[in-house]
Protein backbone atom coordinates (compact mmCIF):
# COMPACT_ATOMS: atom_id res chain seq x y z
CA UNK A 1 -21.56 215.58 -0.88
CA UNK A 2 -24.82 213.63 -0.45
CA UNK A 3 -24.14 211.49 -3.49
CA UNK A 4 -20.59 210.81 -2.30
CA UNK A 5 -21.88 209.87 1.16
CA UNK A 6 -24.41 207.51 -0.46
CA UNK A 7 -21.61 205.94 -2.54
CA UNK A 8 -19.58 205.31 0.59
CA UNK A 9 -22.61 203.70 2.26
CA UNK A 10 -23.15 201.41 -0.74
CA UNK A 11 -19.45 200.42 -0.75
CA UNK A 12 -19.50 199.69 2.97
CA UNK A 13 -22.66 197.61 2.59
CA UNK A 14 -21.15 195.65 -0.32
CA UNK A 15 -17.95 194.98 1.61
CA UNK A 16 -19.93 193.86 4.64
CA UNK A 17 -22.14 191.55 2.58
CA UNK A 18 -19.08 190.10 0.84
CA UNK A 19 -17.37 189.52 4.16
CA UNK A 20 -20.47 187.81 5.53
CA UNK A 21 -20.68 185.56 2.44
CA UNK A 22 -17.01 184.64 2.70
CA UNK A 23 -17.47 183.86 6.38
CA UNK A 24 -20.42 181.57 5.67
CA UNK A 25 -18.56 179.77 2.88
CA UNK A 26 -15.47 179.29 5.02
CA UNK A 27 -17.62 177.95 7.86
CA UNK A 28 -19.32 175.47 5.52
CA UNK A 29 -15.96 174.51 4.06
CA UNK A 30 -14.37 173.90 7.47
CA UNK A 31 -17.38 171.81 8.57
CA UNK A 32 -17.11 169.71 5.41
CA UNK A 33 -13.40 169.17 6.03
CA UNK A 34 -13.99 168.16 9.64
CA UNK A 35 -16.58 165.58 8.62
CA UNK A 36 -14.46 164.03 5.87
CA UNK A 37 -11.21 164.16 7.82
CA UNK A 38 -11.66 160.81 9.56
CA UNK A 39 -11.66 158.73 6.36
CA UNK A 40 -8.15 158.28 4.94
CA UNK A 41 -6.84 160.17 7.95
CA UNK A 42 -7.24 156.77 9.53
CA UNK A 43 -3.84 155.10 9.41
CA UNK A 44 -3.67 151.86 7.39
CA UNK A 45 -0.77 150.52 9.48
CA UNK A 46 -2.76 151.02 12.69
CA UNK A 47 -5.76 149.50 10.92
CA UNK A 48 -3.73 146.37 10.19
CA UNK A 49 -2.99 146.07 13.90
CA UNK A 50 -6.70 146.54 14.70
CA UNK A 51 -7.53 143.85 12.13
CA UNK A 52 -5.18 141.45 13.91
CA UNK A 53 -5.73 142.50 17.51
CA UNK A 54 -9.55 142.50 17.35
CA UNK A 55 -9.62 138.99 15.89
CA UNK A 56 -10.82 139.81 12.36
CA UNK A 57 -7.79 137.91 11.06
CA UNK A 58 -9.13 134.68 12.57
CA UNK A 59 -11.78 134.40 9.83
CA UNK A 60 -10.78 136.90 7.16
CA UNK A 61 -7.68 137.41 5.05
CA UNK A 62 -6.55 140.57 3.27
CA UNK A 63 -4.76 139.78 0.02
CA UNK A 64 -3.94 136.30 1.34
CA UNK A 65 -2.84 137.43 4.83
CA UNK A 66 -5.11 135.91 7.47
CA UNK A 67 -7.81 133.29 7.94
CA UNK A 68 -9.62 131.26 5.30
CA UNK A 69 -13.00 130.83 7.00
CA UNK A 70 -14.60 133.85 5.30
CA UNK A 71 -14.16 136.18 2.34
CA UNK A 72 -10.76 137.70 1.57
CA UNK A 73 -11.35 141.42 2.06
CA UNK A 74 -8.59 142.51 -0.33
CA UNK A 75 -8.32 141.99 -4.06
CA UNK A 76 -11.12 139.43 -4.20
CA UNK A 77 -13.59 142.26 -3.72
CA UNK A 78 -15.61 143.31 -6.80
CA UNK A 79 -13.75 145.87 -8.94
CA UNK A 80 -16.21 148.66 -8.07
CA UNK A 81 -16.02 148.05 -4.32
CA UNK A 82 -16.25 151.18 -2.22
CA UNK A 83 -16.44 152.30 1.38
CA UNK A 84 -20.25 152.03 1.18
CA UNK A 85 -19.89 148.48 -0.07
CA UNK A 86 -17.58 147.55 2.79
CA UNK A 87 -20.14 148.81 5.32
CA UNK A 88 -23.10 147.11 3.60
CA UNK A 89 -21.15 143.82 3.36
CA UNK A 90 -20.22 144.06 7.05
CA UNK A 91 -23.86 144.76 7.96
CA UNK A 92 -25.28 141.91 5.88
CA UNK A 93 -22.75 139.36 7.14
CA UNK A 94 -22.89 140.48 10.79
CA UNK A 95 -25.44 137.88 12.01
CA UNK A 96 -23.37 135.02 10.57
CA UNK A 97 -20.23 136.47 12.15
CA UNK A 98 -21.91 136.75 15.54
CA UNK A 99 -23.27 133.21 15.33
CA UNK A 100 -19.80 131.86 14.49
CA UNK A 101 -18.19 133.84 17.31
CA UNK A 102 -20.77 132.50 19.73
CA UNK A 103 -20.25 128.93 18.53
CA UNK A 104 -16.47 129.20 18.83
CA UNK A 105 -16.73 131.15 22.11
CA UNK A 106 -14.69 133.99 20.64
CA UNK A 107 -14.68 137.34 22.48
CA UNK A 108 -16.76 139.95 20.69
CA UNK A 109 -14.59 142.85 19.44
CA UNK A 110 -15.75 146.34 20.37
CA UNK A 111 -14.03 149.13 18.46
CA UNK A 112 -13.89 152.86 19.04
CA UNK A 113 -14.73 155.27 16.24
CA UNK A 114 -11.05 155.97 15.64
CA UNK A 115 -10.20 152.26 15.53
CA UNK A 116 -12.99 151.78 12.98
CA UNK A 117 -11.53 154.60 10.90
CA UNK A 118 -8.09 152.96 11.03
CA UNK A 119 -9.58 149.57 10.09
CA UNK A 120 -11.47 150.97 7.11
CA UNK A 121 -8.42 152.91 5.94
CA UNK A 122 -6.49 149.62 6.01
CA UNK A 123 -9.19 147.66 4.15
CA UNK A 124 -9.74 150.39 1.58
CA UNK A 125 -6.07 151.02 0.81
CA UNK A 126 -5.35 147.26 0.76
CA UNK A 127 -7.45 147.19 -2.40
CA UNK A 128 -6.27 150.31 -4.22
CA UNK A 129 -2.56 150.10 -3.43
CA UNK A 130 -2.28 146.98 -5.56
CA UNK A 131 -5.16 147.47 -8.00
CA UNK A 132 -5.16 144.49 -10.38
CA UNK A 133 -4.52 144.89 -14.07
CA UNK A 134 -3.58 142.77 -17.07
CA UNK A 135 0.14 143.27 -17.71
CA UNK A 136 0.02 141.53 -21.11
CA UNK A 137 -2.79 143.81 -22.26
CA UNK A 138 -0.88 146.74 -20.76
CA UNK A 139 2.13 145.94 -22.92
CA UNK A 140 -0.09 145.91 -26.02
CA UNK A 141 -1.53 149.27 -24.98
CA UNK A 142 1.99 150.63 -24.49
CA UNK A 143 2.67 149.79 -28.13
CA UNK A 144 -0.71 150.64 -29.68
CA UNK A 145 -1.16 153.98 -27.89
CA UNK A 146 2.27 155.12 -29.10
CA UNK A 147 3.92 155.31 -25.66
CA UNK A 148 6.93 153.44 -27.04
CA UNK A 149 7.55 156.25 -29.54
CA UNK A 150 8.72 158.46 -26.66
CA UNK A 151 9.58 156.04 -23.85
CA UNK A 152 12.01 153.15 -23.80
CA UNK A 153 11.91 150.04 -21.63
CA UNK A 154 15.31 148.62 -20.82
CA UNK A 155 16.84 150.68 -23.62
CA UNK A 156 14.32 149.59 -26.28
CA UNK A 157 12.08 152.38 -27.57
CA UNK A 158 11.96 156.15 -28.00
CA UNK A 159 14.32 158.68 -26.47
CA UNK A 160 11.97 161.64 -26.10
CA UNK A 161 11.01 160.68 -22.55
CA UNK A 162 12.70 158.76 -19.75
CA UNK A 163 13.25 155.02 -19.86
CA UNK A 164 10.35 153.68 -17.77
CA UNK A 165 12.39 150.80 -16.40
CA UNK A 166 14.62 153.30 -14.57
CA UNK A 167 11.92 155.47 -12.99
CA UNK A 168 11.72 155.23 -9.18
CA UNK A 169 8.39 154.38 -7.60
CA UNK A 170 5.88 155.36 -10.33
CA UNK A 171 4.27 151.92 -10.19
CA UNK A 172 1.75 152.79 -7.46
CA UNK A 173 -1.62 154.48 -8.09
CA UNK A 174 -1.13 157.68 -6.11
CA UNK A 175 2.36 158.34 -7.48
CA UNK A 176 1.21 157.35 -10.97
CA UNK A 177 -1.71 159.82 -10.91
CA UNK A 178 0.61 162.63 -9.79
CA UNK A 179 3.30 161.82 -12.36
CA UNK A 180 0.78 161.58 -15.21
CA UNK A 181 -0.70 164.95 -14.29
CA UNK A 182 2.57 166.83 -13.75
CA UNK A 183 4.22 165.63 -16.97
CA UNK A 184 1.19 165.81 -19.28
CA UNK A 185 2.08 169.22 -20.83
CA UNK A 186 5.62 168.11 -21.67
CA UNK A 187 4.31 164.83 -23.05
CA UNK A 188 1.75 166.63 -25.23
CA UNK A 189 4.53 168.81 -26.65
CA UNK A 190 6.68 165.74 -27.30
CA UNK A 191 3.82 163.95 -29.02
CA UNK A 192 3.31 166.92 -31.30
CA UNK A 193 6.94 166.69 -32.43
CA UNK A 194 6.54 163.07 -33.56
CA UNK A 195 3.04 163.53 -34.99
CA UNK A 196 1.15 161.58 -32.31
CA UNK A 197 -2.38 162.37 -31.17
CA UNK A 198 -3.20 162.47 -27.46
CA UNK A 199 -4.21 158.90 -26.54
CA UNK A 200 -7.20 158.09 -24.37
CA UNK A 201 -7.35 155.39 -21.73
CA UNK A 202 -10.86 154.10 -21.04
CA UNK A 203 -12.28 151.62 -18.57
CA UNK A 204 -9.53 149.49 -17.02
CA UNK A 205 -6.92 150.37 -19.65
CA UNK A 206 -4.94 152.56 -17.25
CA UNK A 207 -4.93 149.69 -14.71
CA UNK A 208 -3.51 147.41 -17.42
CA UNK A 209 -0.86 149.95 -18.43
CA UNK A 210 0.20 150.39 -14.81
CA UNK A 211 0.39 146.60 -14.38
CA UNK A 212 2.83 146.52 -17.30
CA UNK A 213 4.90 149.40 -15.85
CA UNK A 214 5.13 147.50 -12.56
CA UNK A 215 6.75 144.60 -14.38
CA UNK A 216 9.40 146.70 -16.14
CA UNK A 217 10.14 149.25 -13.40
CA UNK A 218 12.99 148.48 -11.04
CA UNK A 219 12.45 151.42 -8.70
CA UNK A 220 11.27 150.97 -5.08
CA UNK A 221 7.58 151.44 -4.34
CA UNK A 222 6.69 154.56 -2.39
CA UNK A 223 2.98 154.19 -1.58
CA UNK A 224 3.45 153.71 2.16
CA UNK A 225 5.21 157.06 2.40
CA UNK A 226 2.04 158.77 1.14
CA UNK A 227 -0.29 157.26 3.73
CA UNK A 228 -2.14 158.17 5.79
CA UNK A 229 -3.36 160.89 3.47
CA UNK A 230 -4.67 164.10 5.00
CA UNK A 231 -8.13 165.07 3.63
CA UNK A 232 -8.10 168.37 5.51
CA UNK A 233 -4.85 169.41 3.85
CA UNK A 234 -6.24 168.04 0.58
CA UNK A 235 -9.20 170.38 0.94
CA UNK A 236 -6.91 173.36 1.34
CA UNK A 237 -4.88 172.24 -1.69
CA UNK A 238 -8.06 171.81 -3.71
CA UNK A 239 -9.13 175.31 -2.74
CA UNK A 240 -5.81 176.83 -3.82
CA UNK A 241 -5.13 174.73 -6.93
CA UNK A 242 -8.42 173.40 -8.31
CA UNK A 243 -11.25 175.66 -7.15
CA UNK A 244 -10.81 178.03 -10.09
CA UNK A 245 -12.19 175.40 -12.48
CA UNK A 246 -13.99 172.83 -10.30
CA UNK A 247 -16.67 173.14 -7.65
CA UNK A 248 -17.48 171.02 -4.61
CA UNK A 249 -21.05 171.26 -3.32
CA UNK A 250 -21.71 174.19 -5.63
CA UNK A 251 -18.75 176.26 -4.40
CA UNK A 252 -16.07 176.92 -7.01
CA UNK A 253 -15.56 177.27 -10.76
CA UNK A 254 -17.77 176.03 -13.57
CA UNK A 255 -15.09 175.42 -16.22
CA UNK A 256 -14.71 171.78 -15.24
CA UNK A 257 -17.22 169.29 -13.80
CA UNK A 258 -18.47 169.34 -10.22
CA UNK A 259 -16.33 167.06 -8.03
CA UNK A 260 -18.57 166.92 -4.97
CA UNK A 261 -20.88 164.26 -3.52
CA UNK A 262 -23.02 163.97 -6.66
CA UNK A 263 -20.08 163.49 -8.99
CA UNK A 264 -19.42 160.09 -10.53
CA UNK A 265 -15.80 159.64 -9.49
CA UNK A 266 -14.03 156.63 -11.04
CA UNK A 267 -14.22 153.48 -8.91
CA UNK A 268 -10.42 153.16 -8.60
CA UNK A 269 -7.58 155.62 -8.18
CA UNK A 270 -5.79 154.34 -11.29
CA UNK A 271 -8.91 155.07 -13.33
CA UNK A 272 -9.00 158.50 -11.68
CA UNK A 273 -5.49 159.02 -13.07
CA UNK A 274 -6.76 157.88 -16.47
CA UNK A 275 -9.60 160.41 -16.35
CA UNK A 276 -7.14 163.19 -15.48
CA UNK A 277 -4.90 162.07 -18.34
CA UNK A 278 -7.75 162.04 -20.86
CA UNK A 279 -8.81 165.58 -20.03
CA UNK A 280 -5.35 167.01 -19.37
CA UNK A 281 -4.97 168.94 -22.68
CA UNK A 282 -8.42 170.53 -22.27
CA UNK A 283 -7.67 171.45 -18.65
CA UNK A 284 -4.30 172.87 -19.63
CA UNK A 285 -5.86 175.13 -22.29
CA UNK A 286 -8.69 176.12 -19.93
CA UNK A 287 -6.27 177.35 -17.27
CA UNK A 288 -4.33 179.29 -19.90
CA UNK A 289 -7.54 180.91 -21.13
CA UNK A 290 -8.27 182.01 -17.56
CA UNK A 291 -4.80 183.53 -17.33
CA UNK A 292 -3.82 181.06 -14.63
CA UNK A 293 -0.82 178.77 -14.21
CA UNK A 294 -1.54 175.06 -14.51
CA UNK A 295 -1.01 173.62 -10.99
CA UNK A 296 1.39 170.78 -10.26
CA UNK A 297 1.47 168.45 -7.26
CA UNK A 298 4.50 167.43 -5.26
CA UNK A 299 5.22 164.92 -2.51
CA UNK A 300 2.01 163.87 -0.79
CA UNK A 301 -0.19 166.58 -2.32
CA UNK A 302 -2.00 164.41 -4.89
CA UNK A 303 -2.71 161.78 -2.23
CA UNK A 304 -4.20 164.45 0.02
CA UNK A 305 -6.40 165.95 -2.72
CA UNK A 306 -7.71 162.53 -3.79
CA UNK A 307 -8.39 161.60 -0.14
CA UNK A 308 -10.36 164.84 0.21
CA UNK A 309 -12.46 164.23 -2.93
CA UNK A 310 -13.23 160.62 -2.07
CA UNK A 311 -13.86 161.59 1.55
CA UNK A 312 -16.40 164.21 0.48
CA UNK A 313 -18.03 161.61 -1.73
CA UNK A 314 -18.47 159.14 1.12
CA UNK A 315 -19.15 161.48 4.03
CA UNK A 316 -21.27 164.04 2.18
CA UNK A 317 -23.61 161.80 0.15
CA UNK A 318 -26.02 163.34 -2.33
CA UNK A 319 -29.33 164.54 -0.91
CA UNK A 320 -31.10 161.25 -0.27
CA UNK A 321 -33.30 162.14 2.69
CA UNK A 322 -36.59 160.95 1.14
CA UNK A 323 -35.13 157.68 -0.12
CA UNK A 324 -33.45 157.12 3.24
CA UNK A 325 -36.68 157.80 5.14
CA UNK A 326 -38.55 155.23 3.04
CA UNK A 327 -35.68 152.77 3.47
CA UNK A 328 -35.61 153.37 7.24
CA UNK A 329 -39.23 152.25 7.39
CA UNK A 330 -39.04 149.41 4.84
CA UNK A 331 -36.04 147.81 6.58
CA UNK A 332 -37.84 147.92 9.93
CA UNK A 333 -35.48 150.36 11.65
CA UNK A 334 -38.50 152.32 12.92
CA UNK A 335 -39.56 149.41 15.15
CA UNK A 336 -36.76 150.21 17.58
CA UNK A 337 -35.63 153.72 16.68
CA UNK A 338 -38.92 155.45 15.84
CA UNK A 339 -40.29 156.75 12.54
CA UNK A 340 -38.03 159.81 12.65
CA UNK A 341 -35.16 158.18 14.51
CA UNK A 342 -36.32 159.90 17.67
CA UNK A 343 -35.72 156.76 19.74
CA UNK A 344 -38.04 154.39 21.61
CA UNK A 345 -37.80 152.18 24.68
CA UNK A 346 -36.34 149.47 22.42
CA UNK A 347 -33.62 151.52 20.75
CA UNK A 348 -31.73 154.80 21.18
CA UNK A 349 -32.30 158.09 19.44
CA UNK A 350 -30.27 158.37 16.22
CA UNK A 351 -30.85 162.06 15.56
CA UNK A 352 -28.02 164.25 16.79
CA UNK A 353 -26.43 167.63 16.23
CA UNK A 354 -23.21 166.29 14.72
CA UNK A 355 -23.12 165.02 11.15
CA UNK A 356 -23.52 161.26 10.78
CA UNK A 357 -20.87 159.50 8.69
CA UNK A 358 -20.51 156.02 7.29
CA UNK A 359 -17.83 155.34 9.90
CA UNK A 360 -20.46 156.12 12.56
CA UNK A 361 -22.75 153.46 11.09
CA UNK A 362 -19.95 150.89 11.13
CA UNK A 363 -18.95 151.80 14.71
CA UNK A 364 -22.55 151.60 15.87
CA UNK A 365 -22.92 148.18 14.25
CA UNK A 366 -19.92 146.80 16.10
CA UNK A 367 -20.83 148.44 19.40
CA UNK A 368 -24.54 147.61 19.53
CA UNK A 369 -24.94 144.98 16.79
CA UNK A 370 -25.48 141.85 18.92
CA UNK A 371 -28.18 143.59 20.97
CA UNK A 372 -29.80 144.85 17.74
CA UNK A 373 -29.73 141.36 16.30
CA UNK A 374 -31.35 139.89 19.42
CA UNK A 375 -34.00 142.64 19.35
CA UNK A 376 -34.97 141.78 15.75
CA UNK A 377 -35.30 138.11 16.72
CA UNK A 378 -37.48 138.99 19.72
CA UNK A 379 -39.75 141.04 17.44
CA UNK A 380 -39.84 138.32 14.81
CA UNK A 381 -38.27 140.71 12.31
CA UNK A 382 -35.78 139.52 9.70
CA UNK A 383 -32.35 141.17 9.94
CA UNK A 384 -32.50 143.85 7.21
CA UNK A 385 -30.11 143.65 4.29
CA UNK A 386 -28.46 146.76 2.83
CA UNK A 387 -27.09 147.53 -0.61
CA UNK A 388 -24.24 149.91 -1.37
CA UNK A 389 -26.64 152.74 -2.24
CA UNK A 390 -28.77 152.07 0.86
CA UNK A 391 -25.89 153.07 3.12
CA UNK A 392 -25.61 156.52 1.53
CA UNK A 393 -29.40 156.99 1.63
CA UNK A 394 -29.55 156.18 5.35
CA UNK A 395 -26.73 158.61 6.10
CA UNK A 396 -28.52 161.25 4.02
CA UNK A 397 -31.77 160.64 5.94
CA UNK A 398 -30.15 160.93 9.36
CA UNK A 399 -28.33 164.09 8.35
CA UNK A 400 -31.53 165.62 6.91
CA UNK A 401 -33.16 165.10 10.32
CA UNK A 402 -30.19 166.85 11.91
CA UNK A 403 -30.66 169.85 9.60
CA UNK A 404 -34.40 169.99 10.30
CA UNK A 405 -33.79 169.88 14.05
CA UNK A 406 -31.61 172.98 14.10
């Protein structure tokens, strides 16, 4: 009886500990979702209205739409441009923008945090929705990689797969990534029948192939129907469909690579699709070995999962507290905000209980930027410049202070 009672006690303790662990993990997971949810949850269409209404369009264009006085913020951006790069570019150019506004007596735009999220969603998606590629090179890839052995174009080519010129709406990155993933097993089987090896697409090759498909496809584009993506729903989908093999922030499977803040995600969504394509056979066999069914994605699901992964990447940067602390001092931020961002009579306290995101930095720049700029001039301090990595380090530093202050 004593041994049985002891067994029951051990079982109860184990169940309690497991429940506590699950509760902690779910709490961390929900916090991570809440912090990343503002990114692509911002609506690009509303962001376009913010871009026009707040006067950005007076100087800047997006893919040719808008003013010519400053940089086009669309496809003329470098190919590896990211959310961090948008913020660093905005920060570095801010003094020139303010000087021009003052010279032209333009009203200074003040944006709320939500408006900033909408604006960044618009600017970010304006680049990836029409990612550039070389259609001529894509046609050569279509031939050299053996795609034509299974797929026809306008009736010319193989019959094992559908004629690509008749497919509706696969010419956009999000739809393309989902279609490539869902149909990979059937395509691998078809390739085996005709003696083809699984082709790889490296670098910008998937962008080039998609550019070629855009030229031959007659179907309507469907990207706008998938936006705004929902990172919170993407997190739940990732948990149910991907967590068995992949981890985020150390939580999840170890079969595939970590997909959290420290992961080197491809710079564009088309290249993300290429990465998924390259590893599809291995992932398919891995899920079979685990006795699991290979997941598929329908409707807006792939858009939501990708928004979640890229949101985690930008709002949960790798641990960079030490680098950010050094940067905070080297760039002169401590003159106004204090060595530990505790605030001084010149500038407000930056430490807070809530997590700091890149959107918060951008909102703060637009809300308080002119006063900050004047303060640096009064102190005889040069306006600090920021690189793409600096932005993530500063966010990491401010969030490390938040953790220490708990």
